[in-house]
């Protein structure tokens, strides 16, 4: 095993650690680790990312379930549209994207490059959400009443998250958590726990669409996932001992820097 792969398995631990600490962001790391450290094709890497994040989030949800941290009604309602959307995306939409999307004198935009460029843009959005103060803090400071939940908005958000998850293999917790806090009045800790449950459901069901069309290296995938699961246990243990806003802001800045590196690498 070469040093890059050893570093990659350490990255697997970080995927779980970040998910355990802040309930999002783990999938933002998994795709570049799989692509750049293990040399996996981006299309297959998005499938692997779904499984890794799904299994890791599922294990993390077990502890939250025992502690009554998960809002079951919200999880079920939000997950329905997300699950349908991510499954359709992985089963059909991803296959409709041509191998060569655009060819000009200056660039050749392949399917793999498109996925990584889209992912880098998504990372910038994720980093922005993480750097911002949590919705709960903002609402409290401005003394504004929380918006009443809208089932239609939540369904639309779920469908959008499912599409994003299906295209780039990201769990979307950085979007799910603010939505849950604002629209369903959940406390931040409960929103994080509920987000993990939603991520686990839609990611694993989305991965089913890949099992039917992709050749999966189960030995590698299970090893990577097992290391990530160890990370989420550690992350959940230290969850209450690390300042949440500071951790999110620091990780958000790291994500933005990483997104710029990926963008430059894919363009040049």
Protein backbone atom coordinates (compact mmCIF):
# COMPACT_ATOMS: atom_id res chain seq x y z
CA UNK A 1 0.00 0.00 0.00
CA UNK A 2 1.54 3.31 -1.08
CA UNK A 3 1.61 6.47 1.12
CA UNK A 4 -1.17 8.15 -0.89
CA UNK A 5 -3.55 5.26 -0.16
CA UNK A 6 -2.61 5.29 3.53
CA UNK A 7 -3.47 9.00 3.55
CA UNK A 8 -6.69 8.12 1.75
CA UNK A 9 -7.74 5.70 4.49
CA UNK A 10 -6.97 8.39 7.05
CA UNK A 11 -9.31 10.56 4.98
CA UNK A 12 -11.95 7.84 5.37
CA UNK A 13 -11.69 8.33 9.13
CA UNK A 14 -12.10 12.10 8.66
CA UNK A 15 -15.28 11.53 6.62
CA UNK A 16 -16.91 9.84 9.61
CA UNK A 17 -15.35 12.23 12.12
CA UNK A 18 -16.82 15.30 10.40
CA UNK A 19 -20.24 13.64 10.05
CA UNK A 20 -20.20 12.83 13.77
CA UNK A 21 -19.12 16.30 14.82
CA UNK A 22 -21.35 18.52 12.70
CA UNK A 23 -23.82 16.19 10.94
CA UNK A 24 -22.69 17.21 7.45
CA UNK A 25 -19.58 17.71 5.34
CA UNK A 26 -18.34 14.12 5.34
CA UNK A 27 -19.45 13.45 1.79
CA UNK A 28 -17.68 16.61 0.67
CA UNK A 29 -14.42 14.83 1.54
CA UNK A 30 -15.25 11.34 0.33
CA UNK A 31 -15.48 12.05 -3.42
CA UNK A 32 -12.10 13.84 -3.84
CA UNK A 33 -10.45 11.18 -1.64
CA UNK A 34 -11.83 8.37 -3.81
CA UNK A 35 -10.98 10.13 -7.09
CA UNK A 36 -7.56 11.65 -6.35
CA UNK A 37 -6.10 9.26 -3.76
CA UNK A 38 -7.49 5.94 -4.99
CA UNK A 39 -7.81 6.76 -8.69
CA UNK A 40 -11.47 5.75 -8.93
CA UNK A 41 -13.53 6.99 -11.88
CA UNK A 42 -15.68 9.95 -10.73
CA UNK A 43 -18.95 8.30 -11.83
CA UNK A 44 -18.18 5.15 -9.80
CA UNK A 45 -16.76 7.30 -6.97
CA UNK A 46 -20.12 9.07 -6.59
CA UNK A 47 -21.73 5.64 -6.14
CA UNK A 48 -19.13 4.62 -3.56
CA UNK A 49 -19.63 7.93 -1.77
CA UNK A 50 -23.36 7.22 -1.48
CA UNK A 51 -22.69 3.88 0.20
CA UNK A 52 -19.95 5.18 2.49
CA UNK A 53 -21.92 8.20 3.66
CA UNK A 54 -25.13 6.16 3.87
CA UNK A 55 -23.64 3.40 6.05
CA UNK A 56 -21.72 5.86 8.22
CA UNK A 57 -24.80 8.03 8.76
CA UNK A 58 -26.91 4.96 9.50
CA UNK A 59 -24.54 3.81 12.23
CA UNK A 60 -24.45 7.35 13.62
CA UNK A 61 -28.25 7.42 13.63
CA UNK A 62 -28.41 4.38 15.94
CA UNK A 63 -26.99 6.37 18.85
CA UNK A 64 -29.28 9.31 18.03
CA UNK A 65 -32.24 6.93 17.92
CA UNK A 66 -31.46 5.65 21.39
CA UNK A 67 -31.19 9.23 22.67
CA UNK A 68 -34.54 10.23 21.08
CA UNK A 69 -32.82 12.91 18.99
CA UNK A 70 -34.50 12.07 15.67
CA UNK A 71 -37.78 13.64 14.53
CA UNK A 72 -39.44 10.65 12.84
CA UNK A 73 -42.23 12.53 11.03
CA UNK A 74 -39.79 15.01 9.49
CA UNK A 75 -37.38 12.23 8.55
CA UNK A 76 -40.09 10.27 6.78
CA UNK A 77 -41.66 13.27 5.03
CA UNK A 78 -38.36 14.79 3.87
CA UNK A 79 -36.93 11.43 2.83
CA UNK A 80 -39.79 10.39 0.54
CA UNK A 81 -39.12 12.99 -2.17
CA UNK A 82 -35.32 12.79 -1.69
CA UNK A 83 -35.31 8.99 -2.03
CA UNK A 84 -37.39 9.05 -5.21
CA UNK A 85 -35.23 11.79 -6.70
CA UNK A 86 -31.86 10.21 -5.88
CA UNK A 87 -32.92 6.77 -7.10
CA UNK A 88 -34.16 8.13 -10.44
CA UNK A 89 -30.97 10.18 -10.81
CA UNK A 90 -28.65 7.21 -10.14
CA UNK A 91 -30.69 4.66 -12.05
CA UNK A 92 -31.51 6.70 -15.16
CA UNK A 93 -30.36 10.34 -15.28
CA UNK A 94 -26.63 9.71 -14.65
CA UNK A 95 -26.62 7.25 -17.55
CA UNK A 96 -28.16 9.82 -19.91
CA UNK A 97 -25.21 12.18 -19.53
CA UNK A 98 -22.95 11.60 -22.59
CA UNK A 99 -19.29 10.65 -22.11
CA UNK A 100 -18.29 13.74 -24.12
CA UNK A 101 -20.59 16.64 -23.23
CA UNK A 102 -18.86 19.46 -25.10
CA UNK A 103 -15.94 19.72 -27.49
CA UNK A 104 -14.37 23.01 -28.60
CA UNK A 105 -10.95 24.21 -29.68
CA UNK A 106 -10.26 25.23 -26.08
CA UNK A 107 -11.78 22.47 -23.94
CA UNK A 108 -13.13 18.96 -23.98
CA UNK A 109 -15.80 18.60 -21.30
CA UNK A 110 -16.15 14.92 -20.40
CA UNK A 111 -18.74 13.37 -18.13
CA UNK A 112 -16.12 12.79 -15.41
CA UNK A 113 -14.82 16.38 -15.63
CA UNK A 114 -18.38 17.73 -15.53
CA UNK A 115 -19.10 15.81 -12.31
CA UNK A 116 -15.93 17.08 -10.62
CA UNK A 117 -16.54 20.69 -11.72
CA UNK A 118 -20.14 20.50 -10.51
CA UNK A 119 -18.86 19.03 -7.27
CA UNK A 120 -16.34 21.87 -6.80
CA UNK A 121 -19.17 24.42 -7.21
CA UNK A 122 -21.24 22.48 -4.69
CA UNK A 123 -18.30 22.57 -2.28
CA UNK A 124 -18.22 26.37 -2.45
CA UNK A 125 -21.92 26.46 -1.55
CA UNK A 126 -21.32 23.97 1.26
CA UNK A 127 -18.41 26.01 2.61
CA UNK A 128 -20.54 29.16 2.54
CA UNK A 129 -23.32 27.49 4.53
CA UNK A 130 -20.80 26.21 7.08
CA UNK A 131 -19.08 29.57 7.54
CA UNK A 132 -22.42 31.30 8.13
CA UNK A 133 -23.82 31.26 11.64
CA UNK A 134 -26.45 28.64 12.30
CA UNK A 135 -30.06 29.60 11.45
CA UNK A 136 -31.08 29.24 15.07
CA UNK A 137 -28.48 31.80 16.17
CA UNK A 138 -29.50 34.26 13.47
CA UNK A 139 -33.19 33.98 14.32
CA UNK A 140 -32.49 34.52 17.99
CA UNK A 141 -30.34 37.57 17.36
CA UNK A 142 -32.91 39.25 15.14
CA UNK A 143 -35.84 38.12 17.28
CA UNK A 144 -37.75 36.96 14.22
CA UNK A 145 -40.35 34.21 14.46
CA UNK A 146 -39.49 30.96 12.73
CA UNK A 147 -41.24 30.42 9.42
CA UNK A 148 -44.13 27.96 9.61
CA UNK A 149 -43.37 24.59 8.02
CA UNK A 150 -44.52 24.21 4.43
CA UNK A 151 -44.92 20.63 3.24
CA UNK A 152 -44.60 21.75 -0.36
CA UNK A 153 -41.30 23.54 0.35
CA UNK A 154 -39.94 20.55 2.26
CA UNK A 155 -40.92 18.21 -0.59
CA UNK A 156 -39.22 20.53 -3.11
CA UNK A 157 -36.09 20.72 -0.93
CA UNK A 158 -36.07 16.94 -0.61
CA UNK A 159 -36.26 16.52 -4.40
CA UNK A 160 -33.44 19.02 -4.92
CA UNK A 161 -31.25 17.32 -2.32
CA UNK A 162 -31.95 13.96 -3.95
CA UNK A 163 -30.89 15.31 -7.35
CA UNK A 164 -27.65 16.76 -5.93
CA UNK A 165 -26.93 13.55 -4.04
CA UNK A 166 -27.55 11.48 -7.13
CA UNK A 167 -25.27 13.57 -9.35
CA UNK A 168 -22.25 14.04 -7.10
CA UNK A 169 -22.72 11.56 -4.25
CA UNK A 170 -22.91 14.28 -1.57
CA UNK A 171 -25.31 13.81 1.33
CA UNK A 172 -26.43 17.45 1.35
CA UNK A 173 -26.50 17.80 5.13
CA UNK A 174 -25.20 21.36 4.84
CA UNK A 175 -28.51 22.24 3.13
CA UNK A 176 -30.78 19.85 5.04
CA UNK A 177 -29.80 21.14 8.50
CA UNK A 178 -30.68 24.84 7.91
CA UNK A 179 -33.95 23.79 6.25
CA UNK A 180 -34.90 21.64 9.25
CA UNK A 181 -34.04 24.40 11.72
CA UNK A 182 -35.95 27.11 9.85
CA UNK A 183 -38.99 25.21 8.55
CA UNK A 184 -39.60 22.62 11.26
CA UNK A 185 -38.37 24.52 14.35
CA UNK A 186 -36.01 21.72 15.36
CA UNK A 187 -33.17 22.52 17.75
CA UNK A 188 -29.72 22.35 16.16
CA UNK A 189 -28.74 19.04 17.81
CA UNK A 190 -32.04 17.44 16.79
CA UNK A 191 -31.68 18.85 13.26
CA UNK A 192 -28.20 17.30 12.97
CA UNK A 193 -29.51 13.93 14.20
CA UNK A 194 -32.52 14.06 11.86
CA UNK A 195 -30.28 15.09 8.97
CA UNK A 196 -28.10 12.01 9.50
CA UNK A 197 -31.16 9.76 9.38
CA UNK A 198 -32.36 11.40 6.15
CA UNK A 199 -28.89 11.15 4.59
CA UNK A 200 -28.60 7.45 5.46
CA UNK A 201 -31.97 6.57 3.92
CA UNK A 202 -31.63 8.45 0.65
CA UNK A 203 -27.96 7.59 0.13
CA UNK A 204 -28.36 3.85 0.63
CA UNK A 205 -31.51 3.63 -1.50
CA UNK A 206 -29.82 5.73 -4.17
CA UNK A 207 -26.89 3.30 -4.12
CA UNK A 208 -29.27 0.46 -5.03
CA UNK A 209 -29.58 2.06 -8.45
CA UNK A 210 -25.79 1.72 -8.88
CA UNK A 211 -25.60 -1.90 -7.74
CA UNK A 212 -27.78 -2.76 -10.73
CA UNK A 213 -25.53 -1.01 -13.28
CA UNK A 214 -22.01 -0.75 -11.76
CA UNK A 215 -19.30 -3.30 -10.89
CA UNK A 216 -18.61 -2.75 -7.19
CA UNK A 217 -15.32 -3.54 -5.44
CA UNK A 218 -16.94 -4.64 -2.18
CA UNK A 219 -13.68 -5.40 -0.35
CA UNK A 220 -12.43 -1.85 -0.80
CA UNK A 221 -15.83 -0.27 -0.21
CA UNK A 222 -16.49 -2.15 3.02
CA UNK A 223 -12.98 -1.40 4.36
CA UNK A 224 -13.31 2.32 3.59
CA UNK A 225 -16.79 2.38 5.15
CA UNK A 226 -15.63 0.55 8.30
CA UNK A 227 -12.89 3.14 8.87
CA UNK A 228 -15.42 5.92 8.30
CA UNK A 229 -17.77 4.33 10.85
CA UNK A 230 -14.96 4.42 13.43
CA UNK A 231 -14.63 8.11 12.68
CA UNK A 232 -18.30 8.87 13.33
CA UNK A 233 -18.12 7.15 16.71
CA UNK A 234 -15.21 9.41 17.68
CA UNK A 235 -16.98 12.46 16.23
CA UNK A 236 -20.17 11.81 18.18
CA UNK A 237 -18.18 11.29 21.37
CA UNK A 238 -16.58 14.74 21.04
CA UNK A 239 -19.71 16.37 19.60
CA UNK A 240 -20.58 18.22 22.82
CA UNK A 241 -16.96 19.06 23.63
CA UNK A 242 -16.10 21.05 20.51
CA UNK A 243 -17.59 24.53 19.81
CA UNK A 244 -20.02 23.87 16.95
CA UNK A 245 -19.84 27.24 15.16
CA UNK A 246 -16.03 27.44 15.29
CA UNK A 247 -15.70 23.91 13.94
CA UNK A 248 -18.14 24.56 11.09
CA UNK A 249 -16.46 27.83 10.13
CA UNK A 250 -13.00 26.27 10.10
CA UNK A 251 -14.13 23.27 8.09
CA UNK A 252 -16.14 25.51 5.76
CA UNK A 253 -13.03 27.53 4.94
CA UNK A 254 -11.10 24.31 4.31
CA UNK A 255 -13.86 23.08 1.97
CA UNK A 256 -13.78 26.32 -0.07
CA UNK A 257 -9.98 26.10 -0.44
CA UNK A 258 -10.27 22.43 -1.48
CA UNK A 259 -12.99 23.31 -4.02
CA UNK A 260 -10.71 25.89 -5.64
CA UNK A 261 -7.90 23.33 -5.90
CA UNK A 262 -10.26 20.78 -7.52
CA UNK A 263 -11.60 23.40 -9.96
CA UNK A 264 -8.10 24.44 -11.02
CA UNK A 265 -7.00 20.81 -11.37
CA UNK A 266 -9.96 19.97 -13.62
CA UNK A 267 -9.74 23.11 -15.76
CA UNK A 268 -5.97 23.12 -16.36
